PDB file of N, CA and C in Angstrom:
ATOM      1  N   MET A   1      65.701 111.923  85.358  1.00  0.00           N
ATOM      2  CA  MET A   1      66.035 111.034  86.437  1.00  0.00           C
ATOM      3  C   MET A   1      67.477 110.547  86.320  1.00  0.00           C
ATOM      4  N   ALA A   2      67.905 110.218  85.080  1.00  0.00           N
ATOM      5  CA  ALA A   2      69.273 109.742  84.866  1.00  0.00           C
ATOM      6  C   ALA A   2      70.278 110.828  85.201  1.00  0.00           C
ATOM      7  N   ARG A   3      69.929 112.098  84.871  1.00  0.00           N
ATOM      8  CA  ARG A   3      70.831 113.216  85.164  1.00  0.00           C
ATOM      9  C   ARG A   3      70.958 113.400  86.674  1.00  0.00           C
ATOM     10  N   THR A   4      69.873 113.230  87.424  1.00  0.00           N
ATOM     11  CA  THR A   4      69.897 113.358  88.881  1.00  0.00           C
ATOM     12  C   THR A   4      70.801 112.273  89.486  1.00  0.00           C
ATOM     13  N   LYS A   5      70.680 111.042  88.991  1.00  0.00           N
ATOM     14  CA  LYS A   5      71.529 109.955  89.485  1.00  0.00           C
ATOM     15  C   LYS A   5      72.991 110.236  89.163  1.00  0.00           C
ATOM     16  N   SER A   6      73.248 110.768  87.979  1.00  0.00           N
ATOM     17  CA  SER A   6      74.606 111.078  87.568  1.00  0.00           C
ATOM     18  C   SER A   6      75.213 112.158  88.466  1.00  0.00           C
ATOM     19  N   LEU A   7      74.430 113.205  88.764  1.00  0.00           N
ATOM     20  CA  LEU A   7      74.917 114.269  89.650  1.00  0.00           C
ATOM     21  C   LEU A   7      75.149 113.727  91.061  1.00  0.00           C
ATOM     22  N   ALA A   8      74.247 112.880  91.534  1.00  0.00           N
ATOM     23  CA  ALA A   8      74.393 112.309  92.877  1.00  0.00           C
ATOM     24  C   ALA A   8      75.640 111.431  92.943  1.00  0.00           C
ATOM     25  N   LEU A   9      75.887 110.647  91.905  1.00  0.00           N
ATOM     26  CA  LEU A   9      77.060 109.780  91.860  1.00  0.00           C
ATOM     27  C   LEU A   9      78.334 110.619  91.812  1.00  0.00           C
ATOM     28  N   THR A  10      78.331 111.711  91.049  1.00  0.00           N
ATOM     29  CA  THR A  10      79.489 112.602  90.970  1.00  0.00           C
ATOM     30  C   THR A  10      79.770 113.231  92.326  1.00  0.00           C
ATOM     31  N   ALA A  11      78.716 113.672  93.017  1.00  0.00           N
ATOM     32  CA  ALA A  11      78.886 114.281  94.336  1.00  0.00           C
ATOM     33  C   ALA A  11      79.423 113.255  95.337  1.00  0.00           C
ATOM     34  N   LEU A  12      78.893 112.043  95.300  1.00  0.00           N
ATOM     35  CA  LEU A  12      79.345 110.987  96.207  1.00  0.00           C
ATOM     36  C   LEU A  12      80.807 110.643  95.943  1.00  0.00           C
ATOM     37  N   THR A  13      81.202 110.587  94.692  1.00  0.00           N
ATOM     38  CA  THR A  13      82.592 110.302  94.341  1.00  0.00           C
ATOM     39  C   THR A  13      83.508 111.402  94.858  1.00  0.00           C
ATOM     40  N   ALA A  14      83.091 112.660  94.719  1.00  0.00           N
ATOM     41  CA  ALA A  14      83.900 113.784  95.188  1.00  0.00           C
ATOM     42  C   ALA A  14      84.075 113.724  96.704  1.00  0.00           C
ATOM     43  N   VAL A  15      83.003 113.406  97.438  1.00  0.00           N
ATOM     44  CA  VAL A  15      83.086 113.298  98.893  1.00  0.00           C
ATOM     45  C   VAL A  15      84.021 112.157  99.291  1.00  0.00           C
ATOM     46  N   THR A  16      83.943 111.046  98.599  1.00  0.00           N
ATOM     47  CA  THR A  16      84.807 109.896  98.894  1.00  0.00           C
ATOM     48  C   THR A  16      86.269 110.245  98.670  1.00  0.00           C
ATOM     49  N   VAL A  17      86.574 110.912  97.550  1.00  0.00           N
ATOM     50  CA  VAL A  17      87.949 111.296  97.248  1.00  0.00           C
ATOM     51  C   VAL A  17      88.461 112.290  98.281  1.00  0.00           C
ATOM     52  N   LEU A  18      87.653 113.262  98.657  1.00  0.00           N
ATOM     53  CA  LEU A  18      88.061 114.240  99.655  1.00  0.00           C
ATOM     54  C   LEU A  18      88.276 113.569 101.010  1.00  0.00           C
ATOM     55  N   SER A  19      87.424 112.623 101.378  1.00  0.00           N
ATOM     56  CA  SER A  19      87.578 111.912 102.644  1.00  0.00           C
ATOM     57  C   SER A  19      88.871 111.106 102.649  1.00  0.00           C
ATOM     58  N   ALA A  20      89.154 110.447 101.544  1.00  0.00           N
ATOM     59  CA  ALA A  20      90.385 109.657 101.446  1.00  0.00           C
ATOM     60  C   ALA A  20      91.606 110.576 101.518  1.00  0.00           C
ATOM     61  N   SER A  21      91.541 111.741 100.866  1.00  0.00           N
ATOM     62  CA  SER A  21      92.647 112.696 100.910  1.00  0.00           C
ATOM     63  C   SER A  21      92.862 113.219 102.314  1.00  0.00           C
ATOM     64  N   ALA A  22      91.777 113.494 103.022  1.00  0.00           N
ATOM     65  CA  ALA A  22      91.881 113.976 104.402  1.00  0.00           C
ATOM     66  C   ALA A  22      92.483 112.900 105.298  1.00  0.00           C
ATOM     67  N   ALA A  23      92.111 111.653 105.088  1.00  0.00           N
ATOM     68  CA  ALA A  23      92.653 110.555 105.900  1.00  0.00           C
ATOM     69  C   ALA A  23      94.157 110.421 105.672  1.00  0.00           C
ATOM     70  N   VAL A  24      94.608 110.542 104.419  1.00  0.00           N
ATOM     71  CA  VAL A  24      96.037 110.456 104.125  1.00  0.00           C
ATOM     72  C   VAL A  24      96.771 111.629 104.757  1.00  0.00           C
ATOM     73  N   ALA A  25      96.222 112.839 104.652  1.00  0.00           N
ATOM     74  CA  ALA A  25      96.851 114.019 105.248  1.00  0.00           C
ATOM     75  C   ALA A  25      96.945 113.866 106.759  1.00  0.00           C
ATOM     76  N   PHE A  26      95.902 113.334 107.392  1.00  0.00           N
ATOM     77  CA  PHE A  26      95.913 113.124 108.836  1.00  0.00           C
ATOM     78  C   PHE A  26      96.976 112.103 109.217  1.00  0.00           C
ATOM     79  N   ALA A  27      97.059 111.006 108.448  1.00  0.00           N
ATOM     80  CA  ALA A  27      98.043 109.958 108.743  1.00  0.00           C
ATOM     81  C   ALA A  27      99.456 110.511 108.613  1.00  0.00           C
ATOM     82  N   ASP A  28      99.697 111.346 107.612  1.00  0.00           N
ATOM     83  CA  ASP A  28     101.022 111.919 107.421  1.00  0.00           C
ATOM     84  C   ASP A  28     101.371 112.937 108.492  1.00  0.00           C
ATOM     85  N   ALA A  29     100.370 113.535 109.151  1.00  0.00           N
ATOM     86  CA  ALA A  29     100.599 114.564 110.153  1.00  0.00           C
ATOM     87  C   ALA A  29     100.966 113.973 111.515  1.00  0.00           C
ATOM     88  N   ARG A  30     100.752 112.672 111.701  1.00  0.00           N
ATOM     89  CA  ARG A  30     101.074 112.057 112.994  1.00  0.00           C
ATOM     90  C   ARG A  30     102.584 112.030 113.188  1.00  0.00           C
ATOM     91  N   PRO A  31     103.033 112.173 114.444  1.00  0.00           N
ATOM     92  CA  PRO A  31     104.476 112.102 114.685  1.00  0.00           C
ATOM     93  C   PRO A  31     105.003 110.698 114.408  1.00  0.00           C
ATOM     94  N   ALA A  32     106.240 110.632 114.006  1.00  0.00           N
ATOM     95  CA  ALA A  32     106.867 109.341 113.735  1.00  0.00           C
ATOM     96  C   ALA A  32     106.992 108.552 115.036  1.00  0.00           C
ATOM     97  N   VAL A  33     106.856 107.251 114.931  1.00  0.00           N
ATOM     98  CA  VAL A  33     107.000 106.383 116.088  1.00  0.00           C
ATOM     99  C   VAL A  33     108.483 106.206 116.379  1.00  0.00           C
ATOM    100  N   LYS A  34     108.865 106.461 117.619  1.00  0.00           N
ATOM    101  CA  LYS A  34     110.252 106.307 118.016  1.00  0.00           C
ATOM    102  C   LYS A  34     110.534 104.820 118.224  1.00  0.00           C
ATOM    103  N   PRO A  35     111.547 104.285 117.567  1.00  0.00           N
ATOM    104  CA  PRO A  35     111.832 102.860 117.731  1.00  0.00           C
ATOM    105  C   PRO A  35     112.290 102.559 119.147  1.00  0.00           C
ATOM    106  N   SER A  36     111.923 101.375 119.635  1.00  0.00           N
ATOM    107  CA  SER A  36     112.354 100.983 120.965  1.00  0.00           C
ATOM    108  C   SER A  36     113.806 100.514 120.909  1.00  0.00           C
ATOM    109  N   VAL A  37     114.442 100.556 122.057  1.00  0.00           N
ATOM    110  CA  VAL A  37     115.819 100.115 122.151  1.00  0.00           C
ATOM    111  C   VAL A  37     115.839  98.598 122.230  1.00  0.00           C
ATOM    112  N   VAL A  38     116.613  97.985 121.385  1.00  0.00           N
ATOM    113  CA  VAL A  38     116.734  96.532 121.375  1.00  0.00           C
ATOM    114  C   VAL A  38     118.155  96.178 121.786  1.00  0.00           C
ATOM    115  N   VAL A  39     118.270  95.334 122.796  1.00  0.00           N
ATOM    116  CA  VAL A  39     119.571  94.887 123.255  1.00  0.00           C
ATOM    117  C   VAL A  39     119.802  93.492 122.695  1.00  0.00           C
ATOM    118  N   PRO A  40     120.785  93.317 121.824  1.00  0.00           N
ATOM    119  CA  PRO A  40     121.048  91.990 121.274  1.00  0.00           C
ATOM    120  C   PRO A  40     121.325  90.984 122.385  1.00  0.00           C
ATOM    121  N   HIS A  41     120.893  89.746 122.164  1.00  0.00           N
ATOM    122  CA  HIS A  41     120.992  88.695 123.177  1.00  0.00           C
ATOM    123  C   HIS A  41     122.423  88.503 123.669  1.00  0.00           C
ATOM    124  N   ASP A  42     123.408  88.556 122.758  1.00  0.00           N
ATOM    125  CA  ASP A  42     124.794  88.347 123.179  1.00  0.00           C
ATOM    126  C   ASP A  42     125.312  89.494 124.041  1.00  0.00           C
ATOM    127  N   GLN A  43     124.872  90.740 123.785  1.00  0.00           N
ATOM    128  CA  GLN A  43     125.270  91.870 124.620  1.00  0.00           C
ATOM    129  C   GLN A  43     124.626  91.775 125.994  1.00  0.00           C
ATOM    130  N   ALA A  44     123.377  91.321 126.033  1.00  0.00           N
ATOM    131  CA  ALA A  44     122.685  91.177 127.314  1.00  0.00           C
ATOM    132  C   ALA A  44     123.381  90.129 128.176  1.00  0.00           C
ATOM    133  N   ALA A  45     123.841  89.039 127.557  1.00  0.00           N
ATOM    134  CA  ALA A  45     124.539  87.999 128.303  1.00  0.00           C
ATOM    135  C   ALA A  45     125.873  88.523 128.830  1.00  0.00           C
ATOM    136  N   ALA A  46     126.547  89.364 128.024  1.00  0.00           N
ATOM    137  CA  ALA A  46     127.838  89.902 128.428  1.00  0.00           C
ATOM    138  C   ALA A  46     127.703  90.992 129.493  1.00  0.00           C
ATOM    139  N   ASP A  47     126.613  91.738 129.469  1.00  0.00           N
ATOM    140  CA  ASP A  47     126.421  92.842 130.414  1.00  0.00           C
ATOM    141  C   ASP A  47     124.976  92.849 130.918  1.00  0.00           C
ATOM    142  N   PRO A  48     124.663  92.052 131.977  1.00  0.00           N
ATOM    143  CA  PRO A  48     123.290  91.963 132.480  1.00  0.00           C
ATOM    144  C   PRO A  48     122.699  93.295 132.937  1.00  0.00           C
ATOM    145  N   SER A  49     123.538  94.298 133.232  1.00  0.00           N
ATOM    146  CA  SER A  49     123.011  95.591 133.665  1.00  0.00           C
ATOM    147  C   SER A  49     122.210  96.274 132.563  1.00  0.00           C
ATOM    148  N   LEU A  50     122.429  95.871 131.294  1.00  0.00           N
ATOM    149  CA  LEU A  50     121.659  96.433 130.189  1.00  0.00           C
ATOM    150  C   LEU A  50     120.177  96.095 130.305  1.00  0.00           C
ATOM    151  N   LEU A  51     119.870  95.021 131.035  1.00  0.00           N
ATOM    152  CA  LEU A  51     118.494  94.572 131.156  1.00  0.00           C
ATOM    153  C   LEU A  51     117.950  94.742 132.569  1.00  0.00           C
ATOM    154  N   ALA A  52     118.594  95.549 133.386  1.00  0.00           N
ATOM    155  CA  ALA A  52     118.214  95.679 134.791  1.00  0.00           C
ATOM    156  C   ALA A  52     116.768  96.125 134.967  1.00  0.00           C
ATOM    157  N   ALA A  53     116.254  96.954 134.072  1.00  0.00           N
ATOM    158  CA  ALA A  53     114.890  97.472 134.225  1.00  0.00           C
ATOM    159  C   ALA A  53     113.837  96.480 133.757  1.00  0.00           C
ATOM    160  N   HIS A  54     114.228  95.440 133.056  1.00  0.00           N
ATOM    161  CA  HIS A  54     113.288  94.475 132.494  1.00  0.00           C
ATOM    162  C   HIS A  54     113.775  93.067 132.781  1.00  0.00           C
ATOM    163  N   ASN A  55     112.875  92.134 132.653  1.00  0.00           N
ATOM    164  CA  ASN A  55     113.226  90.734 132.865  1.00  0.00           C
ATOM    165  C   ASN A  55     112.829  89.940 131.630  1.00  0.00           C
ATOM    166  N   PRO A  56     113.753  89.797 130.659  1.00  0.00           N
ATOM    167  CA  PRO A  56     113.398  89.017 129.472  1.00  0.00           C
ATOM    168  C   PRO A  56     113.430  87.519 129.791  1.00  0.00           C
ATOM    169  N   VAL A  57     112.492  86.804 129.231  1.00  0.00           N
ATOM    170  CA  VAL A  57     112.464  85.348 129.360  1.00  0.00           C
ATOM    171  C   VAL A  57     112.346  84.756 127.961  1.00  0.00           C
ATOM    172  N   PHE A  58     112.996  83.611 127.763  1.00  0.00           N
ATOM    173  CA  PHE A  58     113.047  82.973 126.452  1.00  0.00           C
ATOM    174  C   PHE A  58     112.485  81.569 126.567  1.00  0.00           C
ATOM    175  N   GLY A  59     111.536  81.243 125.693  1.00  0.00           N
ATOM    176  CA  GLY A  59     110.910  79.930 125.712  1.00  0.00           C
ATOM    177  C   GLY A  59     111.688  78.903 124.921  1.00  0.00           C
ATOM    178  N   ASN A  60     111.300  77.663 125.099  1.00  0.00           N
ATOM    179  CA  ASN A  60     111.908  76.557 124.371  1.00  0.00           C
ATOM    180  C   ASN A  60     111.318  76.457 122.966  1.00  0.00           C
ATOM    181  N   PRO A  61     112.130  75.992 122.009  1.00  0.00           N
ATOM    182  CA  PRO A  61     111.624  75.830 120.640  1.00  0.00           C
ATOM    183  C   PRO A  61     110.539  74.748 120.564  1.00  0.00           C
ATOM    184  N   VAL A  62     109.574  74.992 119.692  1.00  0.00           N
ATOM    185  CA  VAL A  62     108.499  74.041 119.413  1.00  0.00           C
ATOM    186  C   VAL A  62     108.605  73.670 117.935  1.00  0.00           C
ATOM    187  N   ASP A  63     108.637  72.370 117.633  1.00  0.00           N
ATOM    188  CA  ASP A  63     108.709  71.933 116.242  1.00  0.00           C
ATOM    189  C   ASP A  63     107.372  72.157 115.533  1.00  0.00           C
ATOM    190  N   VAL A  64     107.463  72.668 114.309  1.00  0.00           N
ATOM    191  CA  VAL A  64     106.285  72.886 113.467  1.00  0.00           C
ATOM    192  C   VAL A  64     106.518  72.091 112.185  1.00  0.00           C
ATOM    193  N   PRO A  65     105.678  71.082 111.923  1.00  0.00           N
ATOM    194  CA  PRO A  65     105.896  70.247 110.741  1.00  0.00           C
ATOM    195  C   PRO A  65     105.669  71.022 109.442  1.00  0.00           C
ATOM    196  N   ALA A  66     106.256  70.524 108.370  1.00  0.00           N
ATOM    197  CA  ALA A  66     106.085  71.135 107.052  1.00  0.00           C
ATOM    198  C   ALA A  66     104.603  71.283 106.738  1.00  0.00           C
ATOM    199  N   GLY A  67     104.207  72.478 106.336  1.00  0.00           N
ATOM    200  CA  GLY A  67     102.809  72.740 106.000  1.00  0.00           C
ATOM    201  C   GLY A  67     101.894  72.852 107.203  1.00  0.00           C
ATOM    202  N   GLY A  68     102.451  72.835 108.407  1.00  0.00           N
ATOM    203  CA  GLY A  68     101.624  72.846 109.618  1.00  0.00           C
ATOM    204  C   GLY A  68     101.653  74.160 110.366  1.00  0.00           C
ATOM    205  N   HIS A  69     100.961  74.156 111.501  1.00  0.00           N
ATOM    206  CA  HIS A  69     100.849  75.326 112.371  1.00  0.00           C
ATOM    207  C   HIS A  69     101.392  74.958 113.740  1.00  0.00           C
ATOM    208  N   GLY A  70     101.934  75.938 114.448  1.00  0.00           N
ATOM    209  CA  GLY A  70     102.465  75.684 115.780  1.00  0.00           C
ATOM    210  C   GLY A  70     102.180  76.833 116.722  1.00  0.00           C
ATOM    211  N   ILE A  71     102.209  76.525 118.019  1.00  0.00           N
ATOM    212  CA  ILE A  71     102.013  77.525 119.067  1.00  0.00           C
ATOM    213  C   ILE A  71     103.165  77.388 120.050  1.00  0.00           C
ATOM    214  N   ALA A  72     103.807  78.505 120.373  1.00  0.00           N
ATOM    215  CA  ALA A  72     104.872  78.521 121.370  1.00  0.00           C
ATOM    216  C   ALA A  72     104.496  79.540 122.445  1.00  0.00           C
ATOM    217  N   THR A  73     104.774  79.200 123.699  1.00  0.00           N
ATOM    218  CA  THR A  73     104.483  80.116 124.803  1.00  0.00           C
ATOM    219  C   THR A  73     105.700  80.207 125.711  1.00  0.00           C
ATOM    220  N   VAL A  74     105.740  81.273 126.464  1.00  0.00           N
ATOM    221  CA  VAL A  74     106.755  81.442 127.507  1.00  0.00           C
ATOM    222  C   VAL A  74     106.060  82.149 128.667  1.00  0.00           C
ATOM    223  N   SER A  75     106.357  81.713 129.879  1.00  0.00           N
ATOM    224  CA  SER A  75     105.722  82.288 131.071  1.00  0.00           C
ATOM    225  C   SER A  75     106.685  83.192 131.808  1.00  0.00           C
ATOM    226  N   CYS A  76     106.149  84.296 132.340  1.00  0.00           N
ATOM    227  CA  CYS A  76     106.930  85.193 133.181  1.00  0.00           C
ATOM    228  C   CYS A  76     107.112  84.551 134.552  1.00  0.00           C
ATOM    229  N   PRO A  77     108.136  84.961 135.291  1.00  0.00           N
ATOM    230  CA  PRO A  77     108.301  84.462 136.653  1.00  0.00           C
ATOM    231  C   PRO A  77     107.083  84.807 137.508  1.00  0.00           C
ATOM    232  N   SER A  78     106.902  84.072 138.567  1.00  0.00           N
ATOM    233  CA  SER A  78     105.766  84.279 139.461  1.00  0.00           C
ATOM    234  C   SER A  78     105.662  85.740 139.908  1.00  0.00           C
ATOM    235  N   GLY A  79     104.467  86.295 139.822  1.00  0.00           N
ATOM    236  CA  GLY A  79     104.224  87.674 140.238  1.00  0.00           C
ATOM    237  C   GLY A  79     104.533  88.713 139.181  1.00  0.00           C
ATOM    238  N   GLN A  80     104.933  88.286 137.988  1.00  0.00           N
ATOM    239  CA  GLN A  80     105.232  89.231 136.920  1.00  0.00           C
ATOM    240  C   GLN A  80     104.310  88.995 135.732  1.00  0.00           C
ATOM    241  N   VAL A  81     104.194  90.033 134.893  1.00  0.00           N
ATOM    242  CA  VAL A  81     103.352  89.961 133.697  1.00  0.00           C
ATOM    243  C   VAL A  81     104.164  90.447 132.494  1.00  0.00           C
ATOM    244  N   PRO A  82     103.795  89.970 131.297  1.00  0.00           N
ATOM    245  CA  PRO A  82     104.522  90.442 130.113  1.00  0.00           C
ATOM    246  C   PRO A  82     104.092  91.851 129.718  1.00  0.00           C
ATOM    247  N   THR A  83     105.082  92.681 129.392  1.00  0.00           N
ATOM    248  CA  THR A  83     104.794  94.019 128.868  1.00  0.00           C
ATOM    249  C   THR A  83     105.061  94.073 127.372  1.00  0.00           C
ATOM    250  N   GLY A  84     105.587  92.997 126.842  1.00  0.00           N
ATOM    251  CA  GLY A  84     105.863  92.888 125.418  1.00  0.00           C
ATOM    252  C   GLY A  84     106.413  91.510 125.137  1.00  0.00           C
ATOM    253  N   GLY A  85     106.542  91.193 123.880  1.00  0.00           N
ATOM    254  CA  GLY A  85     107.072  89.880 123.543  1.00  0.00           C
ATOM    255  C   GLY A  85     107.191  89.702 122.049  1.00  0.00           C
ATOM    256  N   GLY A  86     107.587  88.521 121.678  1.00  0.00           N
ATOM    257  CA  GLY A  86     107.768  88.183 120.283  1.00  0.00           C
ATOM    258  C   GLY A  86     108.280  86.773 120.178  1.00  0.00           C
ATOM    259  N   GLY A  87     109.111  86.517 119.201  1.00  0.00           N
ATOM    260  CA  GLY A  87     109.623  85.177 119.047  1.00  0.00           C
ATOM    261  C   GLY A  87     110.672  85.079 117.965  1.00  0.00           C
ATOM    262  N   GLN A  88     111.140  83.869 117.788  1.00  0.00           N
ATOM    263  CA  GLN A  88     112.123  83.568 116.762  1.00  0.00           C
ATOM    264  C   GLN A  88     111.665  82.338 115.993  1.00  0.00           C
ATOM    265  N   THR A  89     112.161  82.236 114.767  1.00  0.00           N
ATOM    266  CA  THR A  89     111.918  81.054 113.946  1.00  0.00           C
ATOM    267  C   THR A  89     113.267  80.484 113.534  1.00  0.00           C
ATOM    268  N   SER A  90     113.261  79.241 113.119  1.00  0.00           N
ATOM    269  CA  SER A  90     114.510  78.607 112.706  1.00  0.00           C
ATOM    270  C   SER A  90     114.782  78.777 111.216  1.00  0.00           C
ATOM    271  N   GLY A  91     113.848  79.345 110.480  1.00  0.00           N
ATOM    272  CA  GLY A  91     114.048  79.476 109.040  1.00  0.00           C
ATOM    273  C   GLY A  91     113.165  80.530 108.415  1.00  0.00           C
ATOM    274  N   PHE A  92     113.311  80.679 107.115  1.00  0.00           N
ATOM    275  CA  PHE A  92     112.566  81.685 106.365  1.00  0.00           C
ATOM    276  C   PHE A  92     111.172  81.225 105.950  1.00  0.00           C
ATOM    277  N   ASP A  93     110.877  79.945 106.116  1.00  0.00           N
ATOM    278  CA  ASP A  93     109.602  79.408 105.646  1.00  0.00           C
ATOM    279  C   ASP A  93     108.516  79.375 106.716  1.00  0.00           C
ATOM    280  N   ILE A  94     108.801  79.895 107.897  1.00  0.00           N
ATOM    281  CA  ILE A  94     107.800  79.884 108.964  1.00  0.00           C
ATOM    282  C   ILE A  94     107.452  81.329 109.303  1.00  0.00           C
ATOM    283  N   PHE A  95     106.157  81.612 109.370  1.00  0.00           N
ATOM    284  CA  PHE A  95     105.683  82.975 109.534  1.00  0.00           C
ATOM    285  C   PHE A  95     104.809  83.100 110.772  1.00  0.00           C
ATOM    286  N   PHE A  96     104.986  84.197 111.525  1.00  0.00           N
ATOM    287  CA  PHE A  96     104.114  84.466 112.675  1.00  0.00           C
ATOM    288  C   PHE A  96     102.717  84.797 112.166  1.00  0.00           C
ATOM    289  N   THR A  97     101.725  84.234 112.799  1.00  0.00           N
ATOM    290  CA  THR A  97     100.346  84.595 112.483  1.00  0.00           C
ATOM    291  C   THR A  97      99.703  85.343 113.639  1.00  0.00           C
ATOM    292  N   ASP A  98     100.236  85.169 114.856  1.00  0.00           N
ATOM    293  CA  ASP A  98      99.736  85.874 116.045  1.00  0.00           C
ATOM    294  C   ASP A  98     100.869  86.041 117.041  1.00  0.00           C
ATOM    295  N   SER A  99     100.801  87.091 117.837  1.00  0.00           N
ATOM    296  CA  SER A  99     101.750  87.339 118.917  1.00  0.00           C
ATOM    297  C   SER A  99     101.012  88.193 119.934  1.00  0.00           C
ATOM    298  N   TYR A 100     100.780  87.638 121.150  1.00  0.00           N
ATOM    299  CA  TYR A 100      99.943  88.349 122.109  1.00  0.00           C
ATOM    300  C   TYR A 100     100.185  87.864 123.539  1.00  0.00           C
ATOM    301  N   PRO A 101      99.852  88.724 124.543  1.00  0.00           N
ATOM    302  CA  PRO A 101      99.947  88.300 125.941  1.00  0.00           C
ATOM    303  C   PRO A 101      98.717  87.489 126.317  1.00  0.00           C
ATOM    304  N   SER A 102      98.899  86.573 127.256  1.00  0.00           N
ATOM    305  CA  SER A 102      97.787  85.787 127.784  1.00  0.00           C
ATOM    306  C   SER A 102      98.087  85.513 129.252  1.00  0.00           C
ATOM    307  N   GLY A 103      97.450  86.277 130.133  1.00  0.00           N
ATOM    308  CA  GLY A 103      97.732  86.141 131.565  1.00  0.00           C
ATOM    309  C   GLY A 103      99.179  86.513 131.847  1.00  0.00           C
ATOM    310  N   SER A 104      99.940  85.588 132.413  1.00  0.00           N
ATOM    311  CA  SER A 104     101.347  85.853 132.721  1.00  0.00           C
ATOM    312  C   SER A 104     102.282  85.256 131.661  1.00  0.00           C
ATOM    313  N   SER A 105     101.750  84.965 130.493  1.00  0.00           N
ATOM    314  CA  SER A 105     102.538  84.356 129.412  1.00  0.00           C
ATOM    315  C   SER A 105     102.467  85.192 128.138  1.00  0.00           C
ATOM    316  N   TRP A 106     103.397  84.904 127.229  1.00  0.00           N
ATOM    317  CA  TRP A 106     103.352  85.462 125.876  1.00  0.00           C
ATOM    318  C   TRP A 106     103.179  84.291 124.927  1.00  0.00           C
ATOM    319  N   VAL A 107     102.303  84.450 123.945  1.00  0.00           N
ATOM    320  CA  VAL A 107     101.966  83.387 123.006  1.00  0.00           C
ATOM    321  C   VAL A 107     102.282  83.851 121.586  1.00  0.00           C
ATOM    322  N   ILE A 108     102.904  82.971 120.806  1.00  0.00           N
ATOM    323  CA  ILE A 108     103.045  83.231 119.375  1.00  0.00           C
ATOM    324  C   ILE A 108     102.557  82.000 118.632  1.00  0.00           C
ATOM    325  N   ARG A 109     101.992  82.262 117.474  1.00  0.00           N
ATOM    326  CA  ARG A 109     101.549  81.173 116.601  1.00  0.00           C
ATOM    327  C   ARG A 109     102.196  81.390 115.250  1.00  0.00           C
ATOM    328  N   GLY A 110     102.510  80.286 114.587  1.00  0.00           N
ATOM    329  CA  GLY A 110     103.158  80.397 113.289  1.00  0.00           C
ATOM    330  C   GLY A 110     102.725  79.310 112.335  1.00  0.00           C
ATOM    331  N   THR A 111     102.941  79.580 111.060  1.00  0.00           N
ATOM    332  CA  THR A 111     102.629  78.638 109.993  1.00  0.00           C
ATOM    333  C   THR A 111     103.909  78.333 109.226  1.00  0.00           C
ATOM    334  N   ASN A 112     104.165  77.057 109.042  1.00  0.00           N
ATOM    335  CA  ASN A 112     105.339  76.609 108.307  1.00  0.00           C
ATOM    336  C   ASN A 112     104.922  76.344 106.861  1.00  0.00           C
ATOM    337  N   THR A 113     105.387  77.184 105.950  1.00  0.00           N
ATOM    338  CA  THR A 113     105.052  77.020 104.535  1.00  0.00           C
ATOM    339  C   THR A 113     106.111  76.220 103.790  1.00  0.00           C
ATOM    340  N   GLY A 114     107.127  75.758 104.521  1.00  0.00           N
ATOM    341  CA  GLY A 114     108.222  75.031 103.895  1.00  0.00           C
ATOM    342  C   GLY A 114     107.953  73.545 103.740  1.00  0.00           C
ATOM    343  N   THR A 115     108.999  72.845 103.348  1.00  0.00           N
ATOM    344  CA  THR A 115     108.889  71.402 103.103  1.00  0.00           C
ATOM    345  C   THR A 115     109.598  70.571 104.169  1.00  0.00           C
ATOM    346  N   THR A 116     110.166  71.240 105.188  1.00  0.00           N
ATOM    347  CA  THR A 116     110.828  70.542 106.288  1.00  0.00           C
ATOM    348  C   THR A 116     110.320  71.083 107.621  1.00  0.00           C
ATOM    349  N   THR A 117     110.473  70.297 108.673  1.00  0.00           N
ATOM    350  CA  THR A 117     110.091  70.737 110.011  1.00  0.00           C
ATOM    351  C   THR A 117     110.982  71.902 110.427  1.00  0.00           C
ATOM    352  N   GLN A 118     110.366  72.927 111.000  1.00  0.00           N
ATOM    353  CA  GLN A 118     111.087  74.097 111.492  1.00  0.00           C
ATOM    354  C   GLN A 118     110.655  74.343 112.931  1.00  0.00           C
ATOM    355  N   SER A 119     111.295  75.300 113.598  1.00  0.00           N
ATOM    356  CA  SER A 119     110.925  75.564 114.994  1.00  0.00           C
ATOM    357  C   SER A 119     110.521  77.012 115.203  1.00  0.00           C
ATOM    358  N   LEU A 120     109.800  77.194 116.280  1.00  0.00           N
ATOM    359  CA  LEU A 120     109.226  78.477 116.672  1.00  0.00           C
ATOM    360  C   LEU A 120     109.439  78.592 118.172  1.00  0.00           C
ATOM    361  N   SER A 121     109.904  79.739 118.665  1.00  0.00           N
ATOM    362  CA  SER A 121     110.040  79.924 120.105  1.00  0.00           C
ATOM    363  C   SER A 121     109.598  81.335 120.484  1.00  0.00           C
ATOM    364  N   ALA A 122     109.019  81.444 121.679  1.00  0.00           N
ATOM    365  CA  ALA A 122     108.468  82.717 122.154  1.00  0.00           C
ATOM    366  C   ALA A 122     109.436  83.359 123.152  1.00  0.00           C
ATOM    367  N   ASN A 123     109.349  84.685 123.264  1.00  0.00           N
ATOM    368  CA  ASN A 123     110.068  85.401 124.326  1.00  0.00           C
ATOM    369  C   ASN A 123     109.173  86.509 124.835  1.00  0.00           C
ATOM    370  N   ALA A 124     109.449  86.959 126.039  1.00  0.00           N
ATOM    371  CA  ALA A 124     108.645  88.017 126.649  1.00  0.00           C
ATOM    372  C   ALA A 124     109.534  88.915 127.495  1.00  0.00           C
ATOM    373  N   VAL A 125     109.113  90.158 127.644  1.00  0.00           N
ATOM    374  CA  VAL A 125     109.736  91.082 128.582  1.00  0.00           C
ATOM    375  C   VAL A 125     108.751  91.188 129.735  1.00  0.00           C
ATOM    376  N   CYS A 126     109.201  90.829 130.926  1.00  0.00           N
ATOM    377  CA  CYS A 126     108.307  90.742 132.085  1.00  0.00           C
ATOM    378  C   CYS A 126     108.638  91.814 133.109  1.00  0.00           C
ATOM    379  N   THR A 127     107.613  92.222 133.850  1.00  0.00           N
ATOM    380  CA  THR A 127     107.804  93.193 134.907  1.00  0.00           C
ATOM    381  C   THR A 127     106.769  92.958 135.995  1.00  0.00           C
ATOM    382  N   THR A 128     107.010  93.510 137.163  1.00  0.00           N
ATOM    383  CA  THR A 128     106.053  93.415 138.259  1.00  0.00           C
ATOM    384  C   THR A 128     104.974  94.462 138.019  1.00  0.00           C
ATOM    385  N   PRO A 129     103.697  94.058 138.079  1.00  0.00           N
ATOM    386  CA  PRO A 129     102.628  95.026 137.793  1.00  0.00           C
ATOM    387  C   PRO A 129     102.520  96.107 138.857  1.00  0.00           C
TER     388      PRO A 129
END
């Protein structure tokens, strides 16, 4: 009986290792993700034609107390929806915990692990659906 369990365990281990190897090979076979084009804020201000195909909107900063959590949102103009978004922080001690669309807005949430109040602000790229 012990030998049967040992053989079964060996077979199960071999299947697990082969499955993991196949998953790694499959992941490596996928094409690389092409990075999106990012237009720096100062270039966009200098040349608005760089953003003609999209409508970026920037939210106001929200204070996040030391050791606390915060939520920042930004809304697209009427009749538009976010196709992407993100945010900015005022320091290295605040981390995004969520970033997602909600109706016609983009929402980010963050946690301040520092010892001073920091800020969090959301941005979105909006378009007409």
